[in-house]
Amino acid sequence: MDSTEEKPRKEVDLYRDTWVRFLGYANEVGEAFRALVPVSLVWTSYIVATTYVTADAVDKGKKAAVAHGENPGRTARVAVAVVDTFVWQALASVIIPGFTINRVCAASLHLMGRATRWPLPVRKWTTTAIGLSTIPFIITPIDRSVDLLLDSSLRKPTMR
């Protein structure tokens, strides 16, 4: 390739390649702060994350609709794109990580209550720090596990 040729630009996916992606982690942050904030704020974090998941699914459906134009089977392909994105995001961004952070925080608060004499506010802040620091370590294993789950179920081609 000579220097005058331009490389094709990869389309930026608003929901996967920009800061908007971090909205999908809102519930994990909410769960990490559960010991310190009213539960209504934790539920609000789930609303933010679920809105992100829904918006990404709608976006992928619109892109599938454009990509398939007026081709036969377009509706089915759009539906598959929406359902696949929604289920994947719901599991990988909301349900599994939210549950995981909730349990990590609950266990750490319980264990610190039994193993230390730290005042409750210190234990709660420590629990929050543990929850927040856990987030980067769970993302990739959860994402890969959800890929495997969907590849062996929802995405599996039907037998004909």
C-alpha atoms as a PDB file:
ATOM      1  CA  MET A   1       0.000   0.000   0.000  1.00  0.00           C
ATOM      2  CA  ASP A   2       1.459   3.356  -0.938  1.00  0.00           C
ATOM      3  CA  SER A   3       1.292   6.365   1.341  1.00  0.00           C
ATOM      4  CA  THR A   4      -1.517   7.992  -0.651  1.00  0.00           C
ATOM      5  CA  GLU A   5      -3.949   5.185   0.080  1.00  0.00           C
ATOM      6  CA  GLU A   6      -6.086   5.619   3.145  1.00  0.00           C
ATOM      7  CA  LYS A   7      -6.839   2.770   5.453  1.00  0.00           C
ATOM      8  CA  PRO A   8     -10.554   2.128   5.810  1.00  0.00           C
ATOM      9  CA  ARG A   9     -11.765   3.658   9.053  1.00  0.00           C
ATOM     10  CA  LYS A  10     -13.395   1.422  11.556  1.00  0.00           C
ATOM     11  CA  GLU A  11     -16.824   2.700  12.489  1.00  0.00           C
ATOM     12  CA  VAL A  12     -16.929   3.862  16.098  1.00  0.00           C
ATOM     13  CA  ASP A  13     -19.591   2.023  18.066  1.00  0.00           C
ATOM     14  CA  LEU A  14     -21.058   4.512  20.547  1.00  0.00           C
ATOM     15  CA  TYR A  15     -21.992   1.736  22.971  1.00  0.00           C
ATOM     16  CA  ARG A  16     -18.735  -0.210  22.857  1.00  0.00           C
ATOM     17  CA  ASP A  17     -15.956   2.225  21.847  1.00  0.00           C
ATOM     18  CA  THR A  18     -16.733   5.402  23.803  1.00  0.00           C
ATOM     19  CA  TRP A  19     -17.266   6.534  27.385  1.00  0.00           C
ATOM     20  CA  VAL A  20     -20.946   5.544  27.031  1.00  0.00           C
ATOM     21  CA  ARG A  21     -19.789   1.941  27.569  1.00  0.00           C
ATOM     22  CA  PHE A  22     -19.136   2.763  31.228  1.00  0.00           C
ATOM     23  CA  LEU A  23     -22.872   3.327  31.796  1.00  0.00           C
ATOM     24  CA  GLY A  24     -23.162  -0.454  31.578  1.00  0.00           C
ATOM     25  CA  TYR A  25     -21.088  -0.663  34.762  1.00  0.00           C
ATOM     26  CA  ALA A  26     -23.353   1.672  36.738  1.00  0.00           C
ATOM     27  CA  ASN A  27     -25.025  -1.157  38.639  1.00  0.00           C
ATOM     28  CA  GLU A  28     -21.671  -2.622  39.646  1.00  0.00           C
ATOM     29  CA  VAL A  29     -20.676   0.725  41.133  1.00  0.00           C
ATOM     30  CA  GLY A  30     -24.101   0.914  42.762  1.00  0.00           C
ATOM     31  CA  GLU A  31     -23.610  -2.514  44.321  1.00  0.00           C
ATOM     32  CA  ALA A  32     -20.153  -1.534  45.585  1.00  0.00           C
ATOM     33  CA  PHE A  33     -21.707   1.474  47.346  1.00  0.00           C
ATOM     34  CA  ARG A  34     -24.740  -0.432  48.679  1.00  0.00           C
ATOM     35  CA  ALA A  35     -23.405  -0.379  52.260  1.00  0.00           C
ATOM     36  CA  LEU A  36     -23.098   3.431  52.157  1.00  0.00           C
ATOM     37  CA  VAL A  37     -26.026   4.767  50.143  1.00  0.00           C
ATOM     38  CA  PRO A  38     -29.804   4.409  50.222  1.00  0.00           C
ATOM     39  CA  VAL A  39     -31.002   1.335  48.349  1.00  0.00           C
ATOM     40  CA  SER A  40     -32.936   3.643  45.987  1.00  0.00           C
ATOM     41  CA  LEU A  41     -29.588   4.824  44.585  1.00  0.00           C
ATOM     42  CA  VAL A  42     -28.522   1.233  44.018  1.00  0.00           C
ATOM     43  CA  TRP A  43     -31.756   0.592  42.088  1.00  0.00           C
ATOM     44  CA  THR A  44     -31.191   3.803  40.126  1.00  0.00           C
ATOM     45  CA  SER A  45     -27.814   2.418  39.058  1.00  0.00           C
ATOM     46  CA  TYR A  46     -29.649  -0.631  37.676  1.00  0.00           C
ATOM     47  CA  ILE A  47     -31.993   1.659  35.730  1.00  0.00           C
ATOM     48  CA  VAL A  48     -28.966   3.397  34.187  1.00  0.00           C
ATOM     49  CA  ALA A  49     -27.325   0.081  33.256  1.00  0.00           C
ATOM     50  CA  THR A  50     -30.562  -1.380  31.877  1.00  0.00           C
ATOM     51  CA  THR A  51     -31.163   1.759  29.803  1.00  0.00           C
ATOM     52  CA  TYR A  52     -27.654   1.348  28.376  1.00  0.00           C
ATOM     53  CA  VAL A  53     -28.345  -2.320  27.538  1.00  0.00           C
ATOM     54  CA  THR A  54     -31.650  -1.466  25.862  1.00  0.00           C
ATOM     55  CA  ALA A  55     -30.156   1.416  23.874  1.00  0.00           C
ATOM     56  CA  ASP A  56     -27.316  -0.809  22.635  1.00  0.00           C
ATOM     57  CA  ALA A  57     -29.803  -3.495  21.556  1.00  0.00           C
ATOM     58  CA  VAL A  58     -31.926  -0.948  19.688  1.00  0.00           C
ATOM     59  CA  ASP A  59     -28.791   0.467  18.049  1.00  0.00           C
ATOM     60  CA  LYS A  60     -27.692  -2.993  16.881  1.00  0.00           C
ATOM     61  CA  GLY A  61     -31.201  -3.616  15.534  1.00  0.00           C
ATOM     62  CA  LYS A  62     -31.096  -0.378  13.539  1.00  0.00           C
ATOM     63  CA  LYS A  63     -27.673  -1.269  12.153  1.00  0.00           C
ATOM     64  CA  ALA A  64     -28.924  -4.732  11.170  1.00  0.00           C
ATOM     65  CA  ALA A  65     -31.945  -3.167   9.462  1.00  0.00           C
ATOM     66  CA  VAL A  66     -29.699  -0.890   7.409  1.00  0.00           C
ATOM     67  CA  ALA A  67     -27.254  -3.686   6.601  1.00  0.00           C
ATOM     68  CA  HIS A  68     -29.995  -6.016   5.342  1.00  0.00           C
ATOM     69  CA  GLY A  69     -31.978  -3.375   3.464  1.00  0.00           C
ATOM     70  CA  GLU A  70     -35.059  -4.902   1.895  1.00  0.00           C
ATOM     71  CA  ASN A  71     -33.620  -8.423   1.723  1.00  0.00           C
ATOM     72  CA  PRO A  72     -35.861 -11.375   2.560  1.00  0.00           C
ATOM     73  CA  GLY A  73     -35.414 -12.378   6.169  1.00  0.00           C
ATOM     74  CA  ARG A  74     -34.554  -8.826   7.196  1.00  0.00           C
ATOM     75  CA  THR A  75     -37.041  -8.791  10.068  1.00  0.00           C
ATOM     76  CA  ALA A  76     -35.665 -12.029  11.468  1.00  0.00           C
ATOM     77  CA  ARG A  77     -32.085 -10.767  11.222  1.00  0.00           C
ATOM     78  CA  VAL A  78     -32.992  -7.532  12.985  1.00  0.00           C
ATOM     79  CA  ALA A  79     -34.781  -9.488  15.712  1.00  0.00           C
ATOM     80  CA  VAL A  80     -31.768 -11.763  16.147  1.00  0.00           C
ATOM     81  CA  ALA A  81     -29.444  -8.754  16.451  1.00  0.00           C
ATOM     82  CA  VAL A  82     -31.680  -7.099  19.050  1.00  0.00           C
ATOM     83  CA  VAL A  83     -32.264 -10.251  21.111  1.00  0.00           C
ATOM     84  CA  ASP A  84     -28.619 -11.355  20.970  1.00  0.00           C
ATOM     85  CA  THR A  85     -27.356  -7.923  22.042  1.00  0.00           C
ATOM     86  CA  PHE A  86     -29.963  -7.498  24.750  1.00  0.00           C
ATOM     87  CA  VAL A  87     -29.457 -10.951  26.271  1.00  0.00           C
ATOM     88  CA  TRP A  88     -25.663 -10.715  26.083  1.00  0.00           C
ATOM     89  CA  GLN A  89     -25.573  -7.227  27.603  1.00  0.00           C
ATOM     90  CA  ALA A  90     -28.181  -8.050  30.253  1.00  0.00           C
ATOM     91  CA  LEU A  91     -26.166 -11.054  31.425  1.00  0.00           C
ATOM     92  CA  ALA A  92     -22.645  -9.656  30.976  1.00  0.00           C
ATOM     93  CA  SER A  93     -23.262  -6.054  32.017  1.00  0.00           C
ATOM     94  CA  VAL A  94     -26.100  -6.178  34.541  1.00  0.00           C
ATOM     95  CA  ILE A  95     -27.170  -9.511  36.014  1.00  0.00           C
ATOM     96  CA  ILE A  96     -23.962 -11.484  36.554  1.00  0.00           C
ATOM     97  CA  PRO A  97     -21.643  -8.610  37.529  1.00  0.00           C
ATOM     98  CA  GLY A  98     -24.278  -7.034  39.778  1.00  0.00           C
ATOM     99  CA  PHE A  99     -24.797 -10.314  41.598  1.00  0.00           C
ATOM    100  CA  THR A 100     -21.050 -10.926  41.815  1.00  0.00           C
ATOM    101  CA  ILE A 101     -20.223  -7.507  43.277  1.00  0.00           C
ATOM    102  CA  ASN A 102     -23.195  -7.777  45.653  1.00  0.00           C
ATOM    103  CA  ARG A 103     -21.926 -11.096  47.016  1.00  0.00           C
ATOM    104  CA  VAL A 104     -18.278  -9.952  47.213  1.00  0.00           C
ATOM    105  CA  CYS A 105     -19.343  -6.882  49.187  1.00  0.00           C
ATOM    106  CA  ALA A 106     -21.721  -8.786  51.453  1.00  0.00           C
ATOM    107  CA  ALA A 107     -19.073 -11.407  52.203  1.00  0.00           C
ATOM    108  CA  SER A 108     -16.359  -8.831  52.864  1.00  0.00           C
ATOM    109  CA  LEU A 109     -18.593  -6.819  55.208  1.00  0.00           C
ATOM    110  CA  HIS A 110     -19.589  -9.985  57.059  1.00  0.00           C
ATOM    111  CA  LEU A 111     -16.024 -11.279  57.334  1.00  0.00           C
ATOM    112  CA  MET A 112     -14.688  -7.935  58.525  1.00  0.00           C
ATOM    113  CA  GLY A 113     -17.425  -7.850  61.153  1.00  0.00           C
ATOM    114  CA  ARG A 114     -16.247 -11.210  62.464  1.00  0.00           C
ATOM    115  CA  ALA A 115     -12.495 -10.785  62.017  1.00  0.00           C
ATOM    116  CA  THR A 116     -11.860  -7.153  62.943  1.00  0.00           C
ATOM    117  CA  ARG A 117     -12.873  -4.623  65.530  1.00  0.00           C
ATOM    118  CA  TRP A 118     -12.989  -1.849  62.995  1.00  0.00           C
ATOM    119  CA  PRO A 119     -15.845   0.615  63.413  1.00  0.00           C
ATOM    120  CA  LEU A 120     -18.824  -0.001  61.104  1.00  0.00           C
ATOM    121  CA  PRO A 121     -18.160   3.082  58.911  1.00  0.00           C
ATOM    122  CA  VAL A 122     -14.595   1.873  58.265  1.00  0.00           C
ATOM    123  CA  ARG A 123     -15.868  -1.609  57.388  1.00  0.00           C
ATOM    124  CA  LYS A 124     -18.465  -0.135  55.022  1.00  0.00           C
ATOM    125  CA  TRP A 125     -15.921   2.059  53.221  1.00  0.00           C
ATOM    126  CA  THR A 126     -13.519  -0.878  53.015  1.00  0.00           C
ATOM    127  CA  THR A 127     -16.298  -3.036  51.577  1.00  0.00           C
ATOM    128  CA  THR A 128     -16.979  -0.370  48.948  1.00  0.00           C
ATOM    129  CA  ALA A 129     -13.271  -0.207  48.052  1.00  0.00           C
ATOM    130  CA  ILE A 130     -13.150  -4.005  47.739  1.00  0.00           C
ATOM    131  CA  GLY A 131     -16.249  -3.987  45.523  1.00  0.00           C
ATOM    132  CA  LEU A 132     -14.897  -1.262  43.249  1.00  0.00           C
ATOM    133  CA  SER A 133     -11.493  -2.917  42.993  1.00  0.00           C
ATOM    134  CA  THR A 134     -13.141  -6.222  42.041  1.00  0.00           C
ATOM    135  CA  ILE A 135     -14.864  -4.792  38.959  1.00  0.00           C
ATOM    136  CA  PRO A 136     -11.846  -4.816  36.589  1.00  0.00           C
ATOM    137  CA  PHE A 137     -11.063  -8.435  37.482  1.00  0.00           C
ATOM    138  CA  ILE A 138     -14.538  -9.832  36.781  1.00  0.00           C
ATOM    139  CA  ILE A 139     -15.275  -8.149  33.443  1.00  0.00           C
ATOM    140  CA  THR A 140     -13.298 -10.388  31.074  1.00  0.00           C
ATOM    141  CA  PRO A 141     -14.179 -13.740  32.715  1.00  0.00           C
ATOM    142  CA  ILE A 142     -17.870 -12.806  32.770  1.00  0.00           C
ATOM    143  CA  ASP A 143     -17.807 -11.591  29.149  1.00  0.00           C
ATOM    144  CA  ARG A 144     -16.110 -14.791  27.960  1.00  0.00           C
ATOM    145  CA  SER A 145     -18.477 -16.979  30.004  1.00  0.00           C
ATOM    146  CA  VAL A 146     -21.514 -15.247  28.522  1.00  0.00           C
ATOM    147  CA  ASP A 147     -20.025 -15.678  25.032  1.00  0.00           C
ATOM    148  CA  LEU A 148     -19.651 -19.418  25.684  1.00  0.00           C
ATOM    149  CA  LEU A 149     -23.157 -19.659  27.139  1.00  0.00           C
ATOM    150  CA  LEU A 150     -24.785 -17.878  24.207  1.00  0.00           C
ATOM    151  CA  ASP A 151     -22.627 -19.666  21.624  1.00  0.00           C
ATOM    152  CA  SER A 152     -23.832 -22.986  23.018  1.00  0.00           C
ATOM    153  CA  SER A 153     -27.475 -21.952  23.323  1.00  0.00           C
ATOM    154  CA  LEU A 154     -29.107 -18.876  21.803  1.00  0.00           C
ATOM    155  CA  ARG A 155     -26.532 -18.485  19.005  1.00  0.00           C
ATOM    156  CA  LYS A 156     -26.307 -22.187  18.205  1.00  0.00           C
ATOM    157  CA  PRO A 157     -27.528 -22.883  14.686  1.00  0.00           C
ATOM    158  CA  THR A 158     -30.662 -24.990  14.622  1.00  0.00           C
ATOM    159  CA  MET A 159     -30.442 -28.515  13.335  1.00  0.00           C
ATOM    160  CA  ARG A 160     -32.177 -29.008   9.984  1.00  0.00           C
END
